[in-house]
Amino acid sequence: MLLINQNKIEESIYYTASFIIKELKAENHQDFLNLYQKLKTGYKMSFATYILSLDWLYLIEVATIDSKGGVNLCS
């Protein structure tokens, strides 16, 4: 779900993407799967939600994934 639903805010891509940004601000260059493991453990995020959130962050030019699988915040 992309939009925020009052009943299930934790399933919103906007909401879950904020956790990715938070983790990347703490440590900018992180491995794709290691970042997911942190988010899965800390925020109970599913892999599908993780991918959708990263896609959205890429589309709005907030995050990129390099050729070696590193996730970075755009400057």
PDB file of N, CA and C in Angstrom:
ATOM      1  N   MET A   1       0.850  -1.157   0.000  1.00  0.00           N
ATOM      2  CA  MET A   1       0.000   0.000   0.000  1.00  0.00           C
ATOM      3  C   MET A   1       0.903   1.228   0.000  1.00  0.00           C
ATOM      4  N   LEU A   2       0.701   2.093  -0.955  1.00  0.00           N
ATOM      5  CA  LEU A   2       1.526   3.285  -1.039  1.00  0.00           C
ATOM      6  C   LEU A   2       1.037   4.407  -0.138  1.00  0.00           C
ATOM      7  N   LEU A   3      -0.246   4.586  -0.110  1.00  0.00           N
ATOM      8  CA  LEU A   3      -0.798   5.677   0.680  1.00  0.00           C
ATOM      9  C   LEU A   3      -0.979   5.273   2.133  1.00  0.00           C
ATOM     10  N   ILE A   4      -1.013   6.267   2.990  1.00  0.00           N
ATOM     11  CA  ILE A   4      -1.165   6.001   4.416  1.00  0.00           C
ATOM     12  C   ILE A   4      -2.622   5.688   4.728  1.00  0.00           C
ATOM     13  N   ASN A   5      -2.829   4.557   5.366  1.00  0.00           N
ATOM     14  CA  ASN A   5      -4.141   4.138   5.819  1.00  0.00           C
ATOM     15  C   ASN A   5      -4.136   4.258   7.341  1.00  0.00           C
ATOM     16  N   GLN A   6      -5.087   4.958   7.891  1.00  0.00           N
ATOM     17  CA  GLN A   6      -5.132   5.192   9.342  1.00  0.00           C
ATOM     18  C   GLN A   6      -5.089   3.888  10.137  1.00  0.00           C
ATOM     19  N   ASN A   7      -5.658   2.824   9.604  1.00  0.00           N
ATOM     20  CA  ASN A   7      -5.729   1.559  10.330  1.00  0.00           C
ATOM     21  C   ASN A   7      -4.461   0.717  10.218  1.00  0.00           C
ATOM     22  N   LYS A   8      -3.725   0.855   9.112  1.00  0.00           N
ATOM     23  CA  LYS A   8      -2.538   0.027   8.879  1.00  0.00           C
ATOM     24  C   LYS A   8      -1.376   0.882   8.392  1.00  0.00           C
ATOM     25  N   ILE A   9      -0.994   1.859   9.168  1.00  0.00           N
ATOM     26  CA  ILE A   9       0.084   2.764   8.766  1.00  0.00           C
ATOM     27  C   ILE A   9       1.400   2.023   8.569  1.00  0.00           C
ATOM     28  N   GLU A  10       1.637   0.953   9.322  1.00  0.00           N
ATOM     29  CA  GLU A  10       2.896   0.213   9.221  1.00  0.00           C
ATOM     30  C   GLU A  10       3.055  -0.509   7.890  1.00  0.00           C
ATOM     31  N   GLU A  11       2.008  -0.605   7.081  1.00  0.00           N
ATOM     32  CA  GLU A  11       2.079  -1.230   5.766  1.00  0.00           C
ATOM     33  C   GLU A  11       2.270  -0.205   4.653  1.00  0.00           C
ATOM     34  N   SER A  12       2.324   1.060   4.980  1.00  0.00           N
ATOM     35  CA  SER A  12       2.483   2.114   3.998  1.00  0.00           C
ATOM     36  C   SER A  12       3.935   2.206   3.541  1.00  0.00           C
ATOM     37  N   ILE A  13       4.135   2.361   2.253  1.00  0.00           N
ATOM     38  CA  ILE A  13       5.481   2.504   1.708  1.00  0.00           C
ATOM     39  C   ILE A  13       6.119   3.798   2.207  1.00  0.00           C
ATOM     40  N   TYR A  14       5.351   4.856   2.322  1.00  0.00           N
ATOM     41  CA  TYR A  14       5.878   6.118   2.864  1.00  0.00           C
ATOM     42  C   TYR A  14       6.450   5.897   4.264  1.00  0.00           C
ATOM     43  N   TYR A  15       5.726   5.180   5.066  1.00  0.00           N
ATOM     44  CA  TYR A  15       6.117   4.921   6.452  1.00  0.00           C
ATOM     45  C   TYR A  15       7.360   4.038   6.521  1.00  0.00           C
ATOM     46  N   THR A  16       7.359   2.943   5.772  1.00  0.00           N
ATOM     47  CA  THR A  16       8.478   2.010   5.829  1.00  0.00           C
ATOM     48  C   THR A  16       9.736   2.593   5.188  1.00  0.00           C
ATOM     49  N   ALA A  17       9.572   3.426   4.184  1.00  0.00           N
ATOM     50  CA  ALA A  17      10.731   4.063   3.551  1.00  0.00           C
ATOM     51  C   ALA A  17      11.457   4.971   4.539  1.00  0.00           C
ATOM     52  N   SER A  18      10.732   5.520   5.489  1.00  0.00           N
ATOM     53  CA  SER A  18      11.370   6.388   6.485  1.00  0.00           C
ATOM     54  C   SER A  18      12.376   5.601   7.328  1.00  0.00           C
ATOM     55  N   PHE A  19      12.125   4.323   7.560  1.00  0.00           N
ATOM     56  CA  PHE A  19      13.063   3.496   8.317  1.00  0.00           C
ATOM     57  C   PHE A  19      14.331   3.221   7.509  1.00  0.00           C
ATOM     58  N   ILE A  20      14.172   3.050   6.204  1.00  0.00           N
ATOM     59  CA  ILE A  20      15.339   2.860   5.346  1.00  0.00           C
ATOM     60  C   ILE A  20      16.201   4.119   5.374  1.00  0.00           C
ATOM     61  N   ILE A  21      15.574   5.271   5.258  1.00  0.00           N
ATOM     62  CA  ILE A  21      16.313   6.531   5.313  1.00  0.00           C
ATOM     63  C   ILE A  21      17.029   6.668   6.649  1.00  0.00           C
ATOM     64  N   LYS A  22      16.353   6.332   7.727  1.00  0.00           N
ATOM     65  CA  LYS A  22      16.954   6.423   9.062  1.00  0.00           C
ATOM     66  C   LYS A  22      18.199   5.543   9.159  1.00  0.00           C
ATOM     67  N   GLU A  23      18.109   4.309   8.674  1.00  0.00           N
ATOM     68  CA  GLU A  23      19.257   3.397   8.718  1.00  0.00           C
ATOM     69  C   GLU A  23      20.400   3.887   7.836  1.00  0.00           C
ATOM     70  N   LEU A  24      20.067   4.448   6.673  1.00  0.00           N
ATOM     71  CA  LEU A  24      21.109   4.938   5.776  1.00  0.00           C
ATOM     72  C   LEU A  24      21.754   6.221   6.296  1.00  0.00           C
ATOM     73  N   LYS A  25      21.014   7.004   7.056  1.00  0.00           N
ATOM     74  CA  LYS A  25      21.617   8.194   7.670  1.00  0.00           C
ATOM     75  C   LYS A  25      22.606   7.790   8.754  1.00  0.00           C
ATOM     76  N   ALA A  26      22.325   6.707   9.448  1.00  0.00           N
ATOM     77  CA  ALA A  26      23.238   6.216  10.482  1.00  0.00           C
ATOM     78  C   ALA A  26      24.515   5.653   9.855  1.00  0.00           C
ATOM     79  N   GLU A  27      24.373   4.941   8.747  1.00  0.00           N
ATOM     80  CA  GLU A  27      25.519   4.365   8.013  1.00  0.00           C
ATOM     81  C   GLU A  27      25.151   4.366   6.544  1.00  0.00           C
ATOM     82  N   ASN A  28      25.721   5.298   5.776  1.00  0.00           N
ATOM     83  CA  ASN A  28      25.246   5.546   4.416  1.00  0.00           C
ATOM     84  C   ASN A  28      25.405   4.356   3.483  1.00  0.00           C
ATOM     85  N   HIS A  29      26.573   3.837   3.304  1.00  0.00           N
ATOM     86  CA  HIS A  29      26.772   2.749   2.346  1.00  0.00           C
ATOM     87  C   HIS A  29      26.584   1.412   3.057  1.00  0.00           C
ATOM     88  N   GLN A  30      25.469   0.726   2.738  1.00  0.00           N
ATOM     89  CA  GLN A  30      25.194  -0.569   3.358  1.00  0.00           C
ATOM     90  C   GLN A  30      24.865  -1.589   2.279  1.00  0.00           C
ATOM     91  N   ASP A  31      25.251  -2.808   2.528  1.00  0.00           N
ATOM     92  CA  ASP A  31      24.930  -3.905   1.632  1.00  0.00           C
ATOM     93  C   ASP A  31      23.414  -4.111   1.589  1.00  0.00           C
ATOM     94  N   PHE A  32      22.893  -4.407   0.408  1.00  0.00           N
ATOM     95  CA  PHE A  32      21.460  -4.573   0.164  1.00  0.00           C
ATOM     96  C   PHE A  32      20.816  -5.560   1.140  1.00  0.00           C
ATOM     97  N   LEU A  33      21.404  -6.744   1.276  1.00  0.00           N
ATOM     98  CA  LEU A  33      20.812  -7.771   2.144  1.00  0.00           C
ATOM     99  C   LEU A  33      21.056  -7.499   3.623  1.00  0.00           C
ATOM    100  N   ASN A  34      22.213  -6.938   3.960  1.00  0.00           N
ATOM    101  CA  ASN A  34      22.471  -6.587   5.361  1.00  0.00           C
ATOM    102  C   ASN A  34      21.504  -5.512   5.847  1.00  0.00           C
ATOM    103  N   LEU A  35      21.219  -4.543   4.985  1.00  0.00           N
ATOM    104  CA  LEU A  35      20.252  -3.500   5.333  1.00  0.00           C
ATOM    105  C   LEU A  35      18.880  -4.118   5.568  1.00  0.00           C
ATOM    106  N   TYR A  36      18.493  -5.054   4.703  1.00  0.00           N
ATOM    107  CA  TYR A  36      17.202  -5.721   4.891  1.00  0.00           C
ATOM    108  C   TYR A  36      17.157  -6.480   6.219  1.00  0.00           C
ATOM    109  N   GLN A  37      18.235  -7.166   6.557  1.00  0.00           N
ATOM    110  CA  GLN A  37      18.270  -7.921   7.821  1.00  0.00           C
ATOM    111  C   GLN A  37      18.075  -6.994   9.026  1.00  0.00           C
ATOM    112  N   LYS A  38      18.695  -5.824   8.986  1.00  0.00           N
ATOM    113  CA  LYS A  38      18.508  -4.848  10.068  1.00  0.00           C
ATOM    114  C   LYS A  38      17.055  -4.399  10.158  1.00  0.00           C
ATOM    115  N   LEU A  39      16.466  -4.111   9.007  1.00  0.00           N
ATOM    116  CA  LEU A  39      15.081  -3.631   8.976  1.00  0.00           C
ATOM    117  C   LEU A  39      14.100  -4.732   9.358  1.00  0.00           C
ATOM    118  N   LYS A  40      14.386  -5.943   8.937  1.00  0.00           N
ATOM    119  CA  LYS A  40      13.528  -7.087   9.269  1.00  0.00           C
ATOM    120  C   LYS A  40      13.510  -7.310  10.778  1.00  0.00           C
ATOM    121  N   THR A  41      14.670  -7.232  11.383  1.00  0.00           N
ATOM    122  CA  THR A  41      14.787  -7.451  12.817  1.00  0.00           C
ATOM    123  C   THR A  41      14.210  -6.281  13.616  1.00  0.00           C
ATOM    124  N   GLY A  42      14.611  -5.073  13.256  1.00  0.00           N
ATOM    125  CA  GLY A  42      14.213  -3.897  14.027  1.00  0.00           C
ATOM    126  C   GLY A  42      12.793  -3.427  13.807  1.00  0.00           C
ATOM    127  N   TYR A  43      12.304  -3.581  12.570  1.00  0.00           N
ATOM    128  CA  TYR A  43      10.990  -3.015  12.237  1.00  0.00           C
ATOM    129  C   TYR A  43       9.998  -4.044  11.708  1.00  0.00           C
ATOM    130  N   LYS A  44      10.417  -5.312  11.660  1.00  0.00           N
ATOM    131  CA  LYS A  44       9.548  -6.403  11.180  1.00  0.00           C
ATOM    132  C   LYS A  44       8.995  -6.118   9.781  1.00  0.00           C
ATOM    133  N   MET A  45       9.886  -5.708   8.891  1.00  0.00           N
ATOM    134  CA  MET A  45       9.521  -5.365   7.524  1.00  0.00           C
ATOM    135  C   MET A  45       9.649  -6.597   6.629  1.00  0.00           C
ATOM    136  N   SER A  46       8.658  -6.847   5.796  1.00  0.00           N
ATOM    137  CA  SER A  46       8.736  -7.970   4.856  1.00  0.00           C
ATOM    138  C   SER A  46       9.664  -7.602   3.700  1.00  0.00           C
ATOM    139  N   PHE A  47      10.145  -8.622   2.995  1.00  0.00           N
ATOM    140  CA  PHE A  47      11.054  -8.370   1.875  1.00  0.00           C
ATOM    141  C   PHE A  47      10.340  -7.612   0.761  1.00  0.00           C
ATOM    142  N   ALA A  48       9.083  -7.951   0.501  1.00  0.00           N
ATOM    143  CA  ALA A  48       8.317  -7.254  -0.542  1.00  0.00           C
ATOM    144  C   ALA A  48       8.158  -5.767  -0.211  1.00  0.00           C
ATOM    145  N   THR A  49       7.880  -5.459   1.028  1.00  0.00           N
ATOM    146  CA  THR A  49       7.746  -4.071   1.453  1.00  0.00           C
ATOM    147  C   THR A  49       9.085  -3.351   1.341  1.00  0.00           C
ATOM    148  N   TYR A  50      10.159  -4.036   1.686  1.00  0.00           N
ATOM    149  CA  TYR A  50      11.505  -3.480   1.574  1.00  0.00           C
ATOM    150  C   TYR A  50      11.808  -3.103   0.129  1.00  0.00           C
ATOM    151  N   ILE A  51      11.521  -4.012  -0.795  1.00  0.00           N
ATOM    152  CA  ILE A  51      11.783  -3.761  -2.217  1.00  0.00           C
ATOM    153  C   ILE A  51      10.940  -2.593  -2.718  1.00  0.00           C
ATOM    154  N   LEU A  52       9.660  -2.584  -2.394  1.00  0.00           N
ATOM    155  CA  LEU A  52       8.791  -1.491  -2.826  1.00  0.00           C
ATOM    156  C   LEU A  52       9.256  -0.148  -2.262  1.00  0.00           C
ATOM    157  N   SER A  53       9.692  -0.153  -1.015  1.00  0.00           N
ATOM    158  CA  SER A  53      10.175   1.075  -0.387  1.00  0.00           C
ATOM    159  C   SER A  53      11.452   1.566  -1.060  1.00  0.00           C
ATOM    160  N   LEU A  54      12.370   0.641  -1.348  1.00  0.00           N
ATOM    161  CA  LEU A  54      13.594   1.029  -2.062  1.00  0.00           C
ATOM    162  C   LEU A  54      13.284   1.532  -3.462  1.00  0.00           C
ATOM    163  N   ASP A  55      12.349   0.893  -4.146  1.00  0.00           N
ATOM    164  CA  ASP A  55      11.940   1.355  -5.476  1.00  0.00           C
ATOM    165  C   ASP A  55      11.410   2.787  -5.411  1.00  0.00           C
ATOM    166  N   TRP A  56      10.570   3.050  -4.433  1.00  0.00           N
ATOM    167  CA  TRP A  56       9.997   4.386  -4.281  1.00  0.00           C
ATOM    168  C   TRP A  56      11.099   5.407  -3.984  1.00  0.00           C
ATOM    169  N   LEU A  57      12.035   5.054  -3.096  1.00  0.00           N
ATOM    170  CA  LEU A  57      13.138   5.963  -2.772  1.00  0.00           C
ATOM    171  C   LEU A  57      14.015   6.218  -3.995  1.00  0.00           C
ATOM    172  N   TYR A  58      14.185   5.212  -4.842  1.00  0.00           N
ATOM    173  CA  TYR A  58      14.944   5.389  -6.075  1.00  0.00           C
ATOM    174  C   TYR A  58      14.202   6.326  -7.032  1.00  0.00           C
ATOM    175  N   LEU A  59      12.907   6.118  -7.170  1.00  0.00           N
ATOM    176  CA  LEU A  59      12.114   6.939  -8.091  1.00  0.00           C
ATOM    177  C   LEU A  59      12.096   8.417  -7.711  1.00  0.00           C
ATOM    178  N   ILE A  60      12.114   8.693  -6.424  1.00  0.00           N
ATOM    179  CA  ILE A  60      12.114  10.094  -5.993  1.00  0.00           C
ATOM    180  C   ILE A  60      13.540  10.601  -5.741  1.00  0.00           C
ATOM    181  N   GLU A  61      14.533   9.812  -6.185  1.00  0.00           N
ATOM    182  CA  GLU A  61      15.947  10.166  -6.144  1.00  0.00           C
ATOM    183  C   GLU A  61      16.478  10.439  -4.734  1.00  0.00           C
ATOM    184  N   VAL A  62      16.096   9.572  -3.799  1.00  0.00           N
ATOM    185  CA  VAL A  62      16.590   9.658  -2.433  1.00  0.00           C
ATOM    186  C   VAL A  62      17.666   8.603  -2.191  1.00  0.00           C
ATOM    187  N   ALA A  63      17.548   7.444  -2.820  1.00  0.00           N
ATOM    188  CA  ALA A  63      18.506   6.357  -2.619  1.00  0.00           C
ATOM    189  C   ALA A  63      18.873   5.712  -3.949  1.00  0.00           C
ATOM    190  N   THR A  64      20.058   5.128  -3.984  1.00  0.00           N
ATOM    191  CA  THR A  64      20.519   4.389  -5.164  1.00  0.00           C
ATOM    192  C   THR A  64      21.111   3.058  -4.713  1.00  0.00           C
ATOM    193  N   ILE A  65      21.221   2.142  -5.654  1.00  0.00           N
ATOM    194  CA  ILE A  65      21.905   0.876  -5.415  1.00  0.00           C
ATOM    195  C   ILE A  65      23.011   0.780  -6.454  1.00  0.00           C
ATOM    196  N   ASP A  66      24.253   0.619  -5.985  1.00  0.00           N
ATOM    197  CA  ASP A  66      25.368   0.564  -6.911  1.00  0.00           C
ATOM    198  C   ASP A  66      25.522  -0.835  -7.499  1.00  0.00           C
ATOM    199  N   SER A  67      26.496  -0.991  -8.389  1.00  0.00           N
ATOM    200  CA  SER A  67      26.683  -2.271  -9.095  1.00  0.00           C
ATOM    201  C   SER A  67      27.138  -3.400  -8.169  1.00  0.00           C
ATOM    202  N   LYS A  68      27.639  -3.073  -6.986  1.00  0.00           N
ATOM    203  CA  LYS A  68      28.087  -4.103  -6.042  1.00  0.00           C
ATOM    204  C   LYS A  68      27.031  -4.427  -4.993  1.00  0.00           C
ATOM    205  N   GLY A  69      25.840  -3.848  -5.118  1.00  0.00           N
ATOM    206  CA  GLY A  69      24.753  -4.138  -4.183  1.00  0.00           C
ATOM    207  C   GLY A  69      24.737  -3.247  -2.952  1.00  0.00           C
ATOM    208  N   GLY A  70      25.435  -2.132  -3.021  1.00  0.00           N
ATOM    209  CA  GLY A  70      25.443  -1.189  -1.909  1.00  0.00           C
ATOM    210  C   GLY A  70      24.307  -0.179  -2.042  1.00  0.00           C
ATOM    211  N   VAL A  71      23.613   0.061  -0.962  1.00  0.00           N
ATOM    212  CA  VAL A  71      22.518   1.038  -0.940  1.00  0.00           C
ATOM    213  C   VAL A  71      23.067   2.331  -0.357  1.00  0.00           C
ATOM    214  N   ASN A  72      22.811   3.444  -1.048  1.00  0.00           N
ATOM    215  CA  ASN A  72      23.341   4.746  -0.655  1.00  0.00           C
ATOM    216  C   ASN A  72      22.254   5.798  -0.708  1.00  0.00           C
ATOM    217  N   LEU A  73      22.374   6.799   0.146  1.00  0.00           N
ATOM    218  CA  LEU A  73      21.525   7.981   0.032  1.00  0.00           C
ATOM    219  C   LEU A  73      22.101   8.876  -1.047  1.00  0.00           C
ATOM    220  N   CYS A  74      21.241   9.506  -1.822  1.00  0.00           N
ATOM    221  CA  CYS A  74      21.694  10.488  -2.808  1.00  0.00           C
ATOM    222  C   CYS A  74      22.043  11.774  -2.079  1.00  0.00           C
ATOM    223  N   SER A  75      22.966  12.508  -2.643  1.00  0.00           N
ATOM    224  CA  SER A  75      23.332  13.771  -1.991  1.00  0.00           C
ATOM    225  C   SER A  75      22.600  14.938  -2.590  1.00  0.00           C
TER     226      SER A  75
END
